[in-house]
Amino acid sequence: MKAIVAGADAEGISEELEALGVTVARVDSPVFADALEDAGIADAELFVLTDLSEGISITLAKEINPDVRTVCFGSGELPESVAGTVDLVVDPSLLGAEAVAEELVDELA
């Protein structure tokens, strides 16, 4: 399984995914389409955004790969314009990175 994690990842979701055998590519903020393409979004099963202010990257990821599962794992406000396109939003203060990674891997397996 391949995942792209975009943003600072202070909660460590990328490490938790890697611990479960997921190949993870990281993209720093700001997130642009060319960076997503370079990271391999076209064949990724999962896109995790940790910086909700970069919400437009959800749209960019879906334009490149309409089948990618998109998850926002961070605190803050997701721009209203993309709220309907994200598959899952999780606040790390409510559910930790380990639990979220396990659920995502189980769901996509």
PDB file of N, CA and C in Angstrom:
ATOM      1  N   MET A   1       0.841  -1.174   0.000  1.00  0.00           N
ATOM      2  CA  MET A   1       0.000   0.000   0.000  1.00  0.00           C
ATOM      3  C   MET A   1       0.888   1.239   0.000  1.00  0.00           C
ATOM      4  N   LYS A   2       0.449   2.254  -0.718  1.00  0.00           N
ATOM      5  CA  LYS A   2       1.205   3.501  -0.808  1.00  0.00           C
ATOM      6  C   LYS A   2       0.362   4.659  -0.291  1.00  0.00           C
ATOM      7  N   ALA A   3       0.991   5.514   0.506  1.00  0.00           N
ATOM      8  CA  ALA A   3       0.326   6.691   1.059  1.00  0.00           C
ATOM      9  C   ALA A   3       1.185   7.922   0.844  1.00  0.00           C
ATOM     10  N   ILE A   4       0.518   9.046   0.697  1.00  0.00           N
ATOM     11  CA  ILE A   4       1.168  10.349   0.664  1.00  0.00           C
ATOM     12  C   ILE A   4       0.710  11.089   1.923  1.00  0.00           C
ATOM     13  N   VAL A   5       1.656  11.603   2.688  1.00  0.00           N
ATOM     14  CA  VAL A   5       1.336  12.418   3.865  1.00  0.00           C
ATOM     15  C   VAL A   5       1.830  13.823   3.575  1.00  0.00           C
ATOM     16  N   ALA A   6       0.909  14.780   3.613  1.00  0.00           N
ATOM     17  CA  ALA A   6       1.232  16.171   3.302  1.00  0.00           C
ATOM     18  C   ALA A   6       1.067  17.034   4.539  1.00  0.00           C
ATOM     19  N   GLY A   7       2.073  17.844   4.795  1.00  0.00           N
ATOM     20  CA  GLY A   7       2.049  18.735   5.949  1.00  0.00           C
ATOM     21  C   GLY A   7       3.118  18.346   6.946  1.00  0.00           C
ATOM     22  N   ALA A   8       3.149  19.056   8.053  1.00  0.00           N
ATOM     23  CA  ALA A   8       4.224  18.914   9.039  1.00  0.00           C
ATOM     24  C   ALA A   8       4.224  17.571   9.768  1.00  0.00           C
ATOM     25  N   ASP A   9       3.091  16.950   9.953  1.00  0.00           N
ATOM     26  CA  ASP A   9       2.957  15.641  10.608  1.00  0.00           C
ATOM     27  C   ASP A   9       3.506  15.620  12.032  1.00  0.00           C
ATOM     28  N   ALA A  10       3.116  16.583  12.829  1.00  0.00           N
ATOM     29  CA  ALA A  10       3.543  16.659  14.225  1.00  0.00           C
ATOM     30  C   ALA A  10       3.054  15.469  15.046  1.00  0.00           C
ATOM     31  N   GLU A  11       1.954  14.855  14.621  1.00  0.00           N
ATOM     32  CA  GLU A  11       1.377  13.730  15.368  1.00  0.00           C
ATOM     33  C   GLU A  11       2.014  12.395  15.001  1.00  0.00           C
ATOM     34  N   GLY A  12       2.784  12.342  13.914  1.00  0.00           N
ATOM     35  CA  GLY A  12       3.497  11.125  13.548  1.00  0.00           C
ATOM     36  C   GLY A  12       2.686  10.078  12.807  1.00  0.00           C
ATOM     37  N   ILE A  13       1.679  10.481  12.061  1.00  0.00           N
ATOM     38  CA  ILE A  13       0.872   9.508  11.310  1.00  0.00           C
ATOM     39  C   ILE A  13       1.706   8.775  10.264  1.00  0.00           C
ATOM     40  N   SER A  14       2.684   9.456   9.670  1.00  0.00           N
ATOM     41  CA  SER A  14       3.505   8.782   8.655  1.00  0.00           C
ATOM     42  C   SER A  14       4.313   7.639   9.265  1.00  0.00           C
ATOM     43  N   GLU A  15       4.875   7.846  10.443  1.00  0.00           N
ATOM     44  CA  GLU A  15       5.634   6.788  11.103  1.00  0.00           C
ATOM     45  C   GLU A  15       4.741   5.613  11.482  1.00  0.00           C
ATOM     46  N   GLU A  16       3.531   5.913  11.921  1.00  0.00           N
ATOM     47  CA  GLU A  16       2.596   4.840  12.292  1.00  0.00           C
ATOM     48  C   GLU A  16       2.183   4.028  11.060  1.00  0.00           C
ATOM     49  N   LEU A  17       1.970   4.697   9.937  1.00  0.00           N
ATOM     50  CA  LEU A  17       1.641   3.984   8.702  1.00  0.00           C
ATOM     51  C   LEU A  17       2.810   3.108   8.257  1.00  0.00           C
ATOM     52  N   GLU A  18       4.028   3.661   8.324  1.00  0.00           N
ATOM     53  CA  GLU A  18       5.216   2.893   7.945  1.00  0.00           C
ATOM     54  C   GLU A  18       5.396   1.663   8.834  1.00  0.00           C
ATOM     55  N   ALA A  19       5.096   1.805  10.108  1.00  0.00           N
ATOM     56  CA  ALA A  19       5.218   0.682  11.037  1.00  0.00           C
ATOM     57  C   ALA A  19       4.270  -0.460  10.670  1.00  0.00           C
ATOM     58  N   LEU A  20       3.224  -0.133   9.929  1.00  0.00           N
ATOM     59  CA  LEU A  20       2.248  -1.136   9.496  1.00  0.00           C
ATOM     60  C   LEU A  20       2.529  -1.629   8.077  1.00  0.00           C
ATOM     61  N   GLY A  21       3.695  -1.256   7.535  1.00  0.00           N
ATOM     62  CA  GLY A  21       4.092  -1.746   6.222  1.00  0.00           C
ATOM     63  C   GLY A  21       3.681  -0.890   5.045  1.00  0.00           C
ATOM     64  N   VAL A  22       3.162   0.288   5.298  1.00  0.00           N
ATOM     65  CA  VAL A  22       2.745   1.193   4.222  1.00  0.00           C
ATOM     66  C   VAL A  22       3.967   1.962   3.724  1.00  0.00           C
ATOM     67  N   THR A  23       4.090   2.080   2.413  1.00  0.00           N
ATOM     68  CA  THR A  23       5.133   2.918   1.824  1.00  0.00           C
ATOM     69  C   THR A  23       4.614   4.354   1.845  1.00  0.00           C
ATOM     70  N   VAL A  24       5.345   5.237   2.509  1.00  0.00           N
ATOM     71  CA  VAL A  24       4.892   6.610   2.703  1.00  0.00           C
ATOM     72  C   VAL A  24       5.838   7.585   2.017  1.00  0.00           C
ATOM     73  N   ALA A  25       5.263   8.482   1.216  1.00  0.00           N
ATOM     74  CA  ALA A  25       5.995   9.615   0.656  1.00  0.00           C
ATOM     75  C   ALA A  25       5.477  10.859   1.354  1.00  0.00           C
ATOM     76  N   ARG A  26       6.379  11.773   1.650  1.00  0.00           N
ATOM     77  CA  ARG A  26       5.995  12.993   2.361  1.00  0.00           C
ATOM     78  C   ARG A  26       6.091  14.209   1.440  1.00  0.00           C
ATOM     79  N   VAL A  27       5.141  15.117   1.624  1.00  0.00           N
ATOM     80  CA  VAL A  27       5.116  16.368   0.874  1.00  0.00           C
ATOM     81  C   VAL A  27       4.992  17.491   1.895  1.00  0.00           C
ATOM     82  N   ASP A  28       5.901  18.451   1.828  1.00  0.00           N
ATOM     83  CA  ASP A  28       5.860  19.581   2.749  1.00  0.00           C
ATOM     84  C   ASP A  28       4.881  20.635   2.271  1.00  0.00           C
ATOM     85  N   SER A  29       4.452  21.485   3.208  1.00  0.00           N
ATOM     86  CA  SER A  29       3.615  22.640   2.867  1.00  0.00           C
ATOM     87  C   SER A  29       4.493  23.736   2.307  1.00  0.00           C
ATOM     88  N   PRO A  30       4.015  24.517   1.374  1.00  0.00           N
ATOM     89  CA  PRO A  30       2.714  24.413   0.725  1.00  0.00           C
ATOM     90  C   PRO A  30       2.675  23.245  -0.254  1.00  0.00           C
ATOM     91  N   VAL A  31       1.495  22.662  -0.407  1.00  0.00           N
ATOM     92  CA  VAL A  31       1.312  21.477  -1.234  1.00  0.00           C
ATOM     93  C   VAL A  31       0.839  21.903  -2.627  1.00  0.00           C
ATOM     94  N   PHE A  32       1.642  21.578  -3.625  1.00  0.00           N
ATOM     95  CA  PHE A  32       1.307  21.889  -5.014  1.00  0.00           C
ATOM     96  C   PHE A  32       1.118  20.601  -5.800  1.00  0.00           C
ATOM     97  N   ALA A  33       0.413  20.688  -6.908  1.00  0.00           N
ATOM     98  CA  ALA A  33       0.128  19.513  -7.734  1.00  0.00           C
ATOM     99  C   ALA A  33       1.397  18.815  -8.193  1.00  0.00           C
ATOM    100  N   ASP A  34       2.413  19.579  -8.595  1.00  0.00           N
ATOM    101  CA  ASP A  34       3.640  18.937  -9.072  1.00  0.00           C
ATOM    102  C   ASP A  34       4.337  18.155  -7.963  1.00  0.00           C
ATOM    103  N   ALA A  35       4.263  18.641  -6.722  1.00  0.00           N
ATOM    104  CA  ALA A  35       4.856  17.908  -5.595  1.00  0.00           C
ATOM    105  C   ALA A  35       4.086  16.616  -5.330  1.00  0.00           C
ATOM    106  N   LEU A  36       2.764  16.666  -5.467  1.00  0.00           N
ATOM    107  CA  LEU A  36       1.959  15.459  -5.300  1.00  0.00           C
ATOM    108  C   LEU A  36       2.279  14.441  -6.397  1.00  0.00           C
ATOM    109  N   GLU A  37       2.424  14.930  -7.615  1.00  0.00           N
ATOM    110  CA  GLU A  37       2.768  14.036  -8.721  1.00  0.00           C
ATOM    111  C   GLU A  37       4.140  13.405  -8.512  1.00  0.00           C
ATOM    112  N   ASP A  38       5.106  14.208  -8.096  1.00  0.00           N
ATOM    113  CA  ASP A  38       6.453  13.696  -7.832  1.00  0.00           C
ATOM    114  C   ASP A  38       6.449  12.646  -6.715  1.00  0.00           C
ATOM    115  N   ALA A  39       5.554  12.808  -5.742  1.00  0.00           N
ATOM    116  CA  ALA A  39       5.464  11.874  -4.622  1.00  0.00           C
ATOM    117  C   ALA A  39       4.740  10.581  -5.011  1.00  0.00           C
ATOM    118  N   GLY A  40       4.057  10.590  -6.154  1.00  0.00           N
ATOM    119  CA  GLY A  40       3.389   9.383  -6.623  1.00  0.00           C
ATOM    120  C   GLY A  40       1.908   9.293  -6.316  1.00  0.00           C
ATOM    121  N   ILE A  41       1.234  10.429  -6.235  1.00  0.00           N
ATOM    122  CA  ILE A  41      -0.197  10.421  -5.910  1.00  0.00           C
ATOM    123  C   ILE A  41      -1.020   9.635  -6.931  1.00  0.00           C
ATOM    124  N   ALA A  42      -0.548   9.540  -8.164  1.00  0.00           N
ATOM    125  CA  ALA A  42      -1.314   8.855  -9.214  1.00  0.00           C
ATOM    126  C   ALA A  42      -1.591   7.397  -8.880  1.00  0.00           C
ATOM    127  N   ASP A  43      -0.699   6.755  -8.134  1.00  0.00           N
ATOM    128  CA  ASP A  43      -0.913   5.351  -7.798  1.00  0.00           C
ATOM    129  C   ASP A  43      -0.986   5.109  -6.288  1.00  0.00           C
ATOM    130  N   ALA A  44      -1.241   6.157  -5.522  1.00  0.00           N
ATOM    131  CA  ALA A  44      -1.386   6.019  -4.066  1.00  0.00           C
ATOM    132  C   ALA A  44      -2.814   5.601  -3.716  1.00  0.00           C
ATOM    133  N   GLU A  45      -2.923   4.808  -2.681  1.00  0.00           N
ATOM    134  CA  GLU A  45      -4.250   4.427  -2.178  1.00  0.00           C
ATOM    135  C   GLU A  45      -4.763   5.409  -1.137  1.00  0.00           C
ATOM    136  N   LEU A  46      -3.835   6.164  -0.516  1.00  0.00           N
ATOM    137  CA  LEU A  46      -4.195   7.004   0.618  1.00  0.00           C
ATOM    138  C   LEU A  46      -3.469   8.337   0.554  1.00  0.00           C
ATOM    139  N   PHE A  47      -4.213   9.413   0.813  1.00  0.00           N
ATOM    140  CA  PHE A  47      -3.641  10.753   0.933  1.00  0.00           C
ATOM    141  C   PHE A  47      -4.057  11.298   2.289  1.00  0.00           C
ATOM    142  N   VAL A  48      -3.070  11.592   3.144  1.00  0.00           N
ATOM    143  CA  VAL A  48      -3.341  12.117   4.482  1.00  0.00           C
ATOM    144  C   VAL A  48      -2.809  13.540   4.556  1.00  0.00           C
ATOM    145  N   LEU A  49      -3.691  14.466   4.851  1.00  0.00           N
ATOM    146  CA  LEU A  49      -3.326  15.870   4.996  1.00  0.00           C
ATOM    147  C   LEU A  49      -3.276  16.208   6.476  1.00  0.00           C
ATOM    148  N   THR A  50      -2.128  16.697   6.951  1.00  0.00           N
ATOM    149  CA  THR A  50      -1.985  17.034   8.370  1.00  0.00           C
ATOM    150  C   THR A  50      -2.103  18.530   8.636  1.00  0.00           C
ATOM    151  N   ASP A  51      -2.060  19.338   7.596  1.00  0.00           N
ATOM    152  CA  ASP A  51      -2.182  20.792   7.712  1.00  0.00           C
ATOM    153  C   ASP A  51      -3.486  21.200   7.036  1.00  0.00           C
ATOM    154  N   LEU A  52      -4.543  21.326   7.835  1.00  0.00           N
ATOM    155  CA  LEU A  52      -5.860  21.564   7.275  1.00  0.00           C
ATOM    156  C   LEU A  52      -5.976  22.874   6.503  1.00  0.00           C
ATOM    157  N   SER A  53      -5.075  23.818   6.741  1.00  0.00           N
ATOM    158  CA  SER A  53      -5.105  25.059   5.969  1.00  0.00           C
ATOM    159  C   SER A  53      -4.722  24.811   4.508  1.00  0.00           C
ATOM    160  N   GLU A  54      -4.141  23.643   4.232  1.00  0.00           N
ATOM    161  CA  GLU A  54      -3.771  23.239   2.869  1.00  0.00           C
ATOM    162  C   GLU A  54      -4.882  22.406   2.224  1.00  0.00           C
ATOM    163  N   GLY A  55      -6.111  22.638   2.624  1.00  0.00           N
ATOM    164  CA  GLY A  55      -7.242  21.838   2.170  1.00  0.00           C
ATOM    165  C   GLY A  55      -7.392  21.718   0.667  1.00  0.00           C
ATOM    166  N   ILE A  56      -6.955  22.713  -0.071  1.00  0.00           N
ATOM    167  CA  ILE A  56      -7.059  22.654  -1.530  1.00  0.00           C
ATOM    168  C   ILE A  56      -6.281  21.468  -2.094  1.00  0.00           C
ATOM    169  N   SER A  57      -5.300  20.977  -1.349  1.00  0.00           N
ATOM    170  CA  SER A  57      -4.530  19.825  -1.827  1.00  0.00           C
ATOM    171  C   SER A  57      -5.401  18.571  -1.937  1.00  0.00           C
ATOM    172  N   ILE A  58      -6.500  18.514  -1.197  1.00  0.00           N
ATOM    173  CA  ILE A  58      -7.451  17.403  -1.337  1.00  0.00           C
ATOM    174  C   ILE A  58      -8.001  17.399  -2.757  1.00  0.00           C
ATOM    175  N   THR A  59      -8.406  18.559  -3.237  1.00  0.00           N
ATOM    176  CA  THR A  59      -8.925  18.683  -4.596  1.00  0.00           C
ATOM    177  C   THR A  59      -7.854  18.320  -5.613  1.00  0.00           C
ATOM    178  N   LEU A  60      -6.638  18.786  -5.397  1.00  0.00           N
ATOM    179  CA  LEU A  60      -5.543  18.469  -6.319  1.00  0.00           C
ATOM    180  C   LEU A  60      -5.291  16.965  -6.359  1.00  0.00           C
ATOM    181  N   ALA A  61      -5.264  16.335  -5.202  1.00  0.00           N
ATOM    182  CA  ALA A  61      -5.032  14.889  -5.141  1.00  0.00           C
ATOM    183  C   ALA A  61      -6.131  14.123  -5.858  1.00  0.00           C
ATOM    184  N   LYS A  62      -7.381  14.529  -5.655  1.00  0.00           N
ATOM    185  CA  LYS A  62      -8.519  13.851  -6.291  1.00  0.00           C
ATOM    186  C   LYS A  62      -8.545  14.079  -7.803  1.00  0.00           C
ATOM    187  N   GLU A  63      -8.070  15.237  -8.249  1.00  0.00           N
ATOM    188  CA  GLU A  63      -8.008  15.488  -9.694  1.00  0.00           C
ATOM    189  C   GLU A  63      -7.009  14.550 -10.360  1.00  0.00           C
ATOM    190  N   ILE A  64      -5.898  14.296  -9.691  1.00  0.00           N
ATOM    191  CA  ILE A  64      -4.865  13.418 -10.241  1.00  0.00           C
ATOM    192  C   ILE A  64      -5.267  11.950 -10.087  1.00  0.00           C
ATOM    193  N   ASN A  65      -5.838  11.601  -8.944  1.00  0.00           N
ATOM    194  CA  ASN A  65      -6.211  10.221  -8.651  1.00  0.00           C
ATOM    195  C   ASN A  65      -7.596  10.208  -7.998  1.00  0.00           C
ATOM    196  N   PRO A  66      -8.652  10.105  -8.791  1.00  0.00           N
ATOM    197  CA  PRO A  66     -10.016  10.159  -8.235  1.00  0.00           C
ATOM    198  C   PRO A  66     -10.331   9.049  -7.232  1.00  0.00           C
ATOM    199  N   ASP A  67      -9.565   7.965  -7.245  1.00  0.00           N
ATOM    200  CA  ASP A  67      -9.839   6.841  -6.356  1.00  0.00           C
ATOM    201  C   ASP A  67      -9.094   6.897  -5.031  1.00  0.00           C
ATOM    202  N   VAL A  68      -8.208   7.883  -4.854  1.00  0.00           N
ATOM    203  CA  VAL A  68      -7.419   7.954  -3.631  1.00  0.00           C
ATOM    204  C   VAL A  68      -8.335   8.260  -2.440  1.00  0.00           C
ATOM    205  N   ARG A  69      -8.082   7.580  -1.323  1.00  0.00           N
ATOM    206  CA  ARG A  69      -8.825   7.823  -0.079  1.00  0.00           C
ATOM    207  C   ARG A  69      -8.181   9.021   0.584  1.00  0.00           C
ATOM    208  N   THR A  70      -8.958  10.071   0.850  1.00  0.00           N
ATOM    209  CA  THR A  70      -8.409  11.297   1.419  1.00  0.00           C
ATOM    210  C   THR A  70      -8.824  11.442   2.879  1.00  0.00           C
ATOM    211  N   VAL A  71      -7.822  11.739   3.709  1.00  0.00           N
ATOM    212  CA  VAL A  71      -8.034  11.853   5.148  1.00  0.00           C
ATOM    213  C   VAL A  71      -7.354  13.125   5.643  1.00  0.00           C
ATOM    214  N   CYS A  72      -8.075  13.894   6.434  1.00  0.00           N
ATOM    215  CA  CYS A  72      -7.481  15.037   7.123  1.00  0.00           C
ATOM    216  C   CYS A  72      -7.250  14.609   8.562  1.00  0.00           C
ATOM    217  N   PHE A  73      -5.993  14.661   8.990  1.00  0.00           N
ATOM    218  CA  PHE A  73      -5.623  14.288  10.353  1.00  0.00           C
ATOM    219  C   PHE A  73      -4.865  15.454  10.954  1.00  0.00           C
ATOM    220  N   GLY A  74      -5.610  16.374  11.518  1.00  0.00           N
ATOM    221  CA  GLY A  74      -5.012  17.565  12.101  1.00  0.00           C
ATOM    222  C   GLY A  74      -6.076  18.400  12.766  1.00  0.00           C
ATOM    223  N   SER A  75      -5.634  19.359  13.530  1.00  0.00           N
ATOM    224  CA  SER A  75      -6.581  20.248  14.188  1.00  0.00           C
ATOM    225  C   SER A  75      -6.708  21.524  13.370  1.00  0.00           C
ATOM    226  N   GLY A  76      -7.775  22.217  13.595  1.00  0.00           N
ATOM    227  CA  GLY A  76      -8.029  23.445  12.854  1.00  0.00           C
ATOM    228  C   GLY A  76      -9.254  23.302  11.991  1.00  0.00           C
ATOM    229  N   GLU A  77      -9.431  24.277  11.142  1.00  0.00           N
ATOM    230  CA  GLU A  77     -10.602  24.325  10.277  1.00  0.00           C
ATOM    231  C   GLU A  77     -10.237  23.941   8.857  1.00  0.00           C
ATOM    232  N   LEU A  78     -11.011  23.054   8.281  1.00  0.00           N
ATOM    233  CA  LEU A  78     -10.870  22.690   6.884  1.00  0.00           C
ATOM    234  C   LEU A  78     -11.659  23.697   6.059  1.00  0.00           C
ATOM    235  N   PRO A  79     -11.059  24.237   4.995  1.00  0.00           N
ATOM    236  CA  PRO A  79     -11.811  25.193   4.170  1.00  0.00           C
ATOM    237  C   PRO A  79     -13.130  24.587   3.697  1.00  0.00           C
ATOM    238  N   GLU A  80     -14.195  25.359   3.813  1.00  0.00           N
ATOM    239  CA  GLU A  80     -15.531  24.893   3.458  1.00  0.00           C
ATOM    240  C   GLU A  80     -15.613  24.405   2.016  1.00  0.00           C
ATOM    241  N   SER A  81     -14.821  24.987   1.149  1.00  0.00           N
ATOM    242  CA  SER A  81     -14.863  24.633  -0.270  1.00  0.00           C
ATOM    243  C   SER A  81     -14.427  23.195  -0.549  1.00  0.00           C
ATOM    244  N   VAL A  82     -13.682  22.576   0.364  1.00  0.00           N
ATOM    245  CA  VAL A  82     -13.227  21.202   0.148  1.00  0.00           C
ATOM    246  C   VAL A  82     -13.813  20.207   1.147  1.00  0.00           C
ATOM    247  N   ALA A  83     -14.592  20.697   2.087  1.00  0.00           N
ATOM    248  CA  ALA A  83     -15.130  19.833   3.136  1.00  0.00           C
ATOM    249  C   ALA A  83     -15.936  18.666   2.568  1.00  0.00           C
ATOM    250  N   GLY A  84     -16.607  18.856   1.467  1.00  0.00           N
ATOM    251  CA  GLY A  84     -17.420  17.801   0.881  1.00  0.00           C
ATOM    252  C   GLY A  84     -16.639  16.801   0.063  1.00  0.00           C
ATOM    253  N   THR A  85     -15.357  17.065  -0.198  1.00  0.00           N
ATOM    254  CA  THR A  85     -14.572  16.160  -1.039  1.00  0.00           C
ATOM    255  C   THR A  85     -13.666  15.234  -0.233  1.00  0.00           C
ATOM    256  N   VAL A  86     -13.457  15.531   1.025  1.00  0.00           N
ATOM    257  CA  VAL A  86     -12.585  14.698   1.863  1.00  0.00           C
ATOM    258  C   VAL A  86     -13.382  13.494   2.368  1.00  0.00           C
ATOM    259  N   ASP A  87     -12.723  12.338   2.429  1.00  0.00           N
ATOM    260  CA  ASP A  87     -13.404  11.122   2.860  1.00  0.00           C
ATOM    261  C   ASP A  87     -13.541  11.009   4.369  1.00  0.00           C
ATOM    262  N   LEU A  88     -12.547  11.525   5.107  1.00  0.00           N
ATOM    263  CA  LEU A  88     -12.553  11.380   6.558  1.00  0.00           C
ATOM    264  C   LEU A  88     -11.774  12.527   7.184  1.00  0.00           C
ATOM    265  N   VAL A  89     -12.315  13.080   8.278  1.00  0.00           N
ATOM    266  CA  VAL A  89     -11.620  14.114   9.045  1.00  0.00           C
ATOM    267  C   VAL A  89     -11.501  13.616  10.484  1.00  0.00           C
ATOM    268  N   VAL A  90     -10.267  13.591  10.996  1.00  0.00           N
ATOM    269  CA  VAL A  90     -10.025  13.118  12.363  1.00  0.00           C
ATOM    270  C   VAL A  90      -9.205  14.161  13.101  1.00  0.00           C
ATOM    271  N   ASP A  91      -9.681  14.546  14.270  1.00  0.00           N
ATOM    272  CA  ASP A  91      -8.953  15.462  15.138  1.00  0.00           C
ATOM    273  C   ASP A  91      -8.007  14.643  16.000  1.00  0.00           C
ATOM    274  N   PRO A  92      -6.691  14.891  15.937  1.00  0.00           N
ATOM    275  CA  PRO A  92      -5.738  14.095  16.714  1.00  0.00           C
ATOM    276  C   PRO A  92      -5.920  14.185  18.225  1.00  0.00           C
ATOM    277  N   SER A  93      -6.636  15.190  18.699  1.00  0.00           N
ATOM    278  CA  SER A  93      -6.889  15.255  20.136  1.00  0.00           C
ATOM    279  C   SER A  93      -7.960  14.243  20.556  1.00  0.00           C
ATOM    280  N   LEU A  94      -8.694  13.711  19.589  1.00  0.00           N
ATOM    281  CA  LEU A  94      -9.732  12.735  19.893  1.00  0.00           C
ATOM    282  C   LEU A  94      -9.301  11.292  19.619  1.00  0.00           C
ATOM    283  N   LEU A  95      -8.417  11.119  18.629  1.00  0.00           N
ATOM    284  CA  LEU A  95      -7.958   9.781  18.252  1.00  0.00           C
ATOM    285  C   LEU A  95      -6.513   9.886  17.803  1.00  0.00           C
ATOM    286  N   GLY A  96      -5.647   9.084  18.379  1.00  0.00           N
ATOM    287  CA  GLY A  96      -4.218   9.166  18.113  1.00  0.00           C
ATOM    288  C   GLY A  96      -3.808   8.589  16.770  1.00  0.00           C
ATOM    289  N   ALA A  97      -2.574   8.887  16.388  1.00  0.00           N
ATOM    290  CA  ALA A  97      -2.035   8.473  15.094  1.00  0.00           C
ATOM    291  C   ALA A  97      -1.996   6.954  14.944  1.00  0.00           C
ATOM    292  N   GLU A  98      -1.638   6.246  15.995  1.00  0.00           N
ATOM    293  CA  GLU A  98      -1.559   4.788  15.912  1.00  0.00           C
ATOM    294  C   GLU A  98      -2.914   4.176  15.581  1.00  0.00           C
ATOM    295  N   ALA A  99      -3.950   4.611  16.276  1.00  0.00           N
ATOM    296  CA  ALA A  99      -5.297   4.079  16.047  1.00  0.00           C
ATOM    297  C   ALA A  99      -5.804   4.432  14.655  1.00  0.00           C
ATOM    298  N   VAL A 100      -5.555   5.655  14.218  1.00  0.00           N
ATOM    299  CA  VAL A 100      -6.002   6.082  12.886  1.00  0.00           C
ATOM    300  C   VAL A 100      -5.287   5.277  11.804  1.00  0.00           C
ATOM    301  N   ALA A 101      -3.986   5.103  11.958  1.00  0.00           N
ATOM    302  CA  ALA A 101      -3.220   4.328  10.973  1.00  0.00           C
ATOM    303  C   ALA A 101      -3.735   2.894  10.899  1.00  0.00           C
ATOM    304  N   GLU A 102      -3.969   2.278  12.034  1.00  0.00           N
ATOM    305  CA  GLU A 102      -4.476   0.900  12.048  1.00  0.00           C
ATOM    306  C   GLU A 102      -5.817   0.791  11.338  1.00  0.00           C
ATOM    307  N   GLU A 103      -6.704   1.723  11.605  1.00  0.00           N
ATOM    308  CA  GLU A 103      -8.031   1.705  10.965  1.00  0.00           C
ATOM    309  C   GLU A 103      -7.927   1.893   9.459  1.00  0.00           C
ATOM    310  N   LEU A 104      -7.083   2.820   9.031  1.00  0.00           N
ATOM    311  CA  LEU A 104      -6.929   3.081   7.593  1.00  0.00           C
ATOM    312  C   LEU A 104      -6.346   1.869   6.870  1.00  0.00           C
ATOM    313  N   VAL A 105      -5.333   1.269   7.460  1.00  0.00           N
ATOM    314  CA  VAL A 105      -4.714   0.089   6.835  1.00  0.00           C
ATOM    315  C   VAL A 105      -5.710  -1.059   6.766  1.00  0.00           C
ATOM    316  N   ASP A 106      -6.453  -1.283   7.853  1.00  0.00           N
ATOM    317  CA  ASP A 106      -7.454  -2.347   7.847  1.00  0.00           C
ATOM    318  C   ASP A 106      -8.533  -2.089   6.799  1.00  0.00           C
ATOM    319  N   GLU A 107      -8.960  -0.851   6.704  1.00  0.00           N
ATOM    320  CA  GLU A 107     -10.014  -0.486   5.759  1.00  0.00           C
ATOM    321  C   GLU A 107      -9.573  -0.657   4.299  1.00  0.00           C
ATOM    322  N   LEU A 108      -8.330  -0.334   4.012  1.00  0.00           N
ATOM    323  CA  LEU A 108      -7.852  -0.363   2.643  1.00  0.00           C
ATOM    324  C   LEU A 108      -7.242  -1.711   2.233  1.00  0.00           C
ATOM    325  N   ALA A 109      -7.084  -2.599   3.190  1.00  0.00           N
ATOM    326  CA  ALA A 109      -6.476  -3.905   2.894  1.00  0.00           C
ATOM    327  C   ALA A 109      -7.404  -4.797   2.083  1.00  0.00           C
TER     328      ALA A 109
END
